[in-house]
Protein backbone atom coordinates (compact mmCIF):
# COMPACT_ATOMS: atom_id res chain seq x y z
CA MET A 1 116.33 115.38 64.81
CA LYS A 2 114.57 118.31 66.42
CA LYS A 3 111.84 118.31 63.85
CA LYS A 4 111.31 114.53 64.58
CA LEU A 5 111.19 115.02 68.29
CA LEU A 6 108.74 117.90 67.82
CA LEU A 7 106.51 115.68 65.62
CA VAL A 8 106.70 112.89 68.09
CA LEU A 9 105.70 115.23 70.93
CA LEU A 10 102.97 116.73 69.02
CA PHE A 11 101.34 113.26 68.45
CA VAL A 12 102.25 111.48 71.75
CA LEU A 13 101.36 114.35 74.20
CA PRO A 14 97.78 114.87 72.89
CA LEU A 15 97.33 110.93 72.85
CA ILE A 16 98.34 110.79 76.43
CA VAL A 17 96.01 113.59 77.39
CA VAL A 18 93.09 111.99 75.58
CA LEU A 19 93.71 108.59 77.08
CA SER A 20 93.94 110.01 80.61
CA CYS A 21 90.56 111.55 80.22
CA ILE A 22 88.76 108.29 79.49
CA PRO A 23 87.04 107.41 82.70
CA SER A 24 87.59 103.95 84.19
CA PRO A 25 84.41 101.94 84.92
CA ALA A 26 83.13 101.18 88.46
CA PRO A 27 83.95 97.68 89.68
CA GLU A 28 81.33 95.13 89.17
CA VAL A 29 81.43 92.90 92.28
CA GLU A 30 79.19 89.91 93.12
CA ILE A 31 78.64 88.11 96.36
CA THR A 32 79.21 84.51 95.20
CA THR A 33 78.93 82.70 98.54
CA PHE A 34 76.94 83.50 101.68
CA SER A 35 76.90 80.39 103.89
CA ASN A 36 74.20 80.93 106.47
CA TYR A 37 71.23 83.30 106.05
CA ASN A 38 69.72 82.92 109.61
CA ILE A 39 71.31 83.35 113.00
CA ASP A 40 69.73 82.02 116.21
CA VAL A 41 70.32 84.26 119.13
CA LEU A 42 69.95 84.25 122.90
CA PRO A 43 69.49 87.39 125.25
CA GLY A 44 72.91 89.11 125.59
CA ASP A 45 74.47 87.95 122.32
CA THR A 46 76.47 90.73 120.75
CA LEU A 47 77.94 89.10 117.78
CA GLY A 48 76.62 86.33 115.20
CA PHE A 49 78.89 84.83 112.64
CA VAL A 50 78.53 83.85 109.01
CA ASP A 51 80.69 80.91 108.05
CA THR A 52 81.79 82.13 104.61
CA VAL A 53 81.25 85.28 102.52
CA GLY A 54 82.70 85.19 98.99
CA PHE A 55 83.26 88.04 96.53
CA GLU A 56 84.24 88.09 92.97
CA VAL A 57 85.03 91.08 90.72
CA LYS A 58 83.50 90.56 87.21
CA ASN A 59 84.71 93.33 84.95
CA GLY A 60 88.52 93.68 85.45
CA VAL A 61 88.54 96.53 87.69
CA ASP A 62 90.31 95.89 91.06
CA ALA A 63 88.25 96.80 94.02
CA ILE A 64 88.52 97.49 97.82
CA LEU A 65 85.92 96.23 100.22
CA GLN A 66 86.06 99.35 102.36
CA GLY A 67 83.55 98.46 105.04
CA MET A 68 80.02 97.62 106.05
CA TYR A 69 76.94 98.50 108.17
CA ILE A 70 73.65 96.75 108.88
CA ASP A 71 70.10 98.05 108.92
CA TYR A 72 67.91 95.95 111.20
CA TYR A 73 64.10 95.63 110.65
CA LYS A 74 61.54 94.31 113.07
CA ALA A 75 59.68 91.49 111.19
CA TYR A 76 56.09 91.29 112.41
CA ASP A 77 55.36 89.15 109.29
CA SER A 78 56.55 88.89 105.74
CA LEU A 79 54.51 92.05 104.62
CA HIS A 80 54.97 94.23 107.85
CA GLN A 81 58.52 95.24 108.60
CA GLU A 82 59.63 98.28 110.49
CA LYS A 83 63.18 99.72 110.65
CA PHE A 84 64.66 99.30 114.17
CA THR A 85 68.22 100.37 114.07
CA THR A 86 71.47 100.86 112.00
CA THR A 87 74.87 99.65 113.21
CA HIS A 88 77.93 101.69 113.18
CA TYR A 89 80.15 101.66 110.10
CA TYR A 90 82.90 98.94 110.28
CA ALA A 91 85.99 99.37 108.23
CA LEU A 92 87.28 96.30 106.50
CA GLY A 93 89.87 97.39 103.90
CA THR A 94 90.09 94.17 101.95
CA PHE A 95 91.51 94.09 98.53
CA LEU A 96 89.39 92.37 95.77
CA PRO A 97 91.47 91.58 92.82
CA ALA A 98 89.88 91.47 89.41
CA SER A 99 89.16 88.20 87.56
CA SER A 100 90.33 87.88 83.96
CA ASP A 101 88.99 85.88 81.01
CA SER A 102 91.28 82.84 81.82
CA ASP A 103 90.70 82.71 85.67
CA THR A 104 88.32 83.37 88.29
CA ILE A 105 89.42 84.95 91.47
CA GLU A 106 87.18 84.81 94.57
CA ILE A 107 87.98 86.29 97.98
CA TYR A 108 86.42 84.59 100.86
CA LEU A 109 85.90 85.96 104.39
CA TYR A 110 85.66 83.21 106.95
CA ASN A 111 83.96 83.30 110.31
CA PHE A 112 82.72 86.82 109.33
CA PRO A 113 81.38 88.66 112.47
CA ILE A 114 77.86 90.31 112.46
CA PRO A 115 77.38 92.98 115.05
CA MET A 116 73.89 92.54 116.56
CA ARG A 117 73.78 93.71 120.19
CA ASP A 118 71.13 96.33 119.64
CA ALA A 119 69.06 94.13 117.45
CA VAL A 120 69.14 91.20 119.94
CA ASN A 121 68.19 93.60 122.74
CA GLY A 122 65.30 95.01 120.69
CA LEU A 123 64.23 91.45 119.59
CA TYR A 124 63.97 90.25 123.25
CA ALA A 125 62.34 93.58 124.46
CA ASP A 126 59.34 93.29 121.89
CA THR A 127 57.52 90.04 122.56
CA SER A 128 55.27 90.53 119.54
CA ILE A 129 58.12 89.59 117.03
CA ARG A 130 60.14 86.42 116.81
CA SER A 131 62.72 87.59 114.24
CA MET A 132 64.43 90.53 112.76
CA ARG A 133 65.84 90.99 109.24
CA GLY A 134 69.26 92.51 108.82
CA THR A 135 70.32 94.05 105.50
CA ILE A 136 74.15 94.16 105.29
CA HIS A 137 75.44 96.97 103.24
CA PHE A 138 78.98 96.22 101.85
CA ILE A 139 80.67 99.29 100.70
CA ILE A 140 83.10 98.79 97.79
CA THR A 141 85.41 101.28 95.81
CA ASP A 142 87.58 101.02 92.86
CA ALA A 143 91.21 100.35 93.86
CA TYR A 144 92.60 103.16 91.75
CA GLY A 145 91.25 106.05 93.88
CA ASN A 146 88.90 107.29 91.15
CA GLY A 147 85.96 107.48 93.68
CA LYS A 148 83.87 104.87 91.94
CA ARG A 149 81.62 103.31 94.63
CA ILE A 150 79.13 100.61 94.72
CA ASP A 151 76.97 99.16 97.51
CA LEU A 152 76.12 95.46 97.64
CA THR A 153 73.45 94.24 100.01
CA HIS A 154 72.63 90.85 101.49
CA ASP A 155 69.81 89.91 103.90
CA ILE A 156 70.18 87.77 107.05
CA GLY A 157 67.66 86.66 109.51
CA ILE A 158 68.03 86.80 113.30
CA TRP A 159 65.69 84.40 115.26
CA ARG A 160 64.97 84.51 118.89
CA LEU A 161 65.40 81.16 120.68
CA ASP A 162 62.80 80.79 123.33
CA LYS A 163 62.86 78.08 125.82
């Protein structure tokens, strides 16, 4: 009995050690829905809203949408853009479950707020531009605490409404 137990431990223990050393892949997340790409603003606006943002995990690794920040660029024309400001980091903490072969799971964020106070102030302070481009950076990590991180980006336009 002791010999059988010893043999089992000699095979099982190394197997557990080897399997625990195999790294887990980073999550593969895709933005599947982004409902409006342009937001019209007036002086004093502090938030814009995107109707729907949808995410899908493609490779079976659960993920967490940790947060986001936005880089804003002055858009003089399609070829000439200049970085204007970056927002603070906003924590989201949204769990994104993985899809399997037999089903697709999409997580939707409705009426998603876009902070834009500094961008709107800059847009109305500089009369040579009519719009700004915002690049939203979504920070996503694996849900297992392995430190795997990906950054998804999506662009939006902010347009000044003149009288």
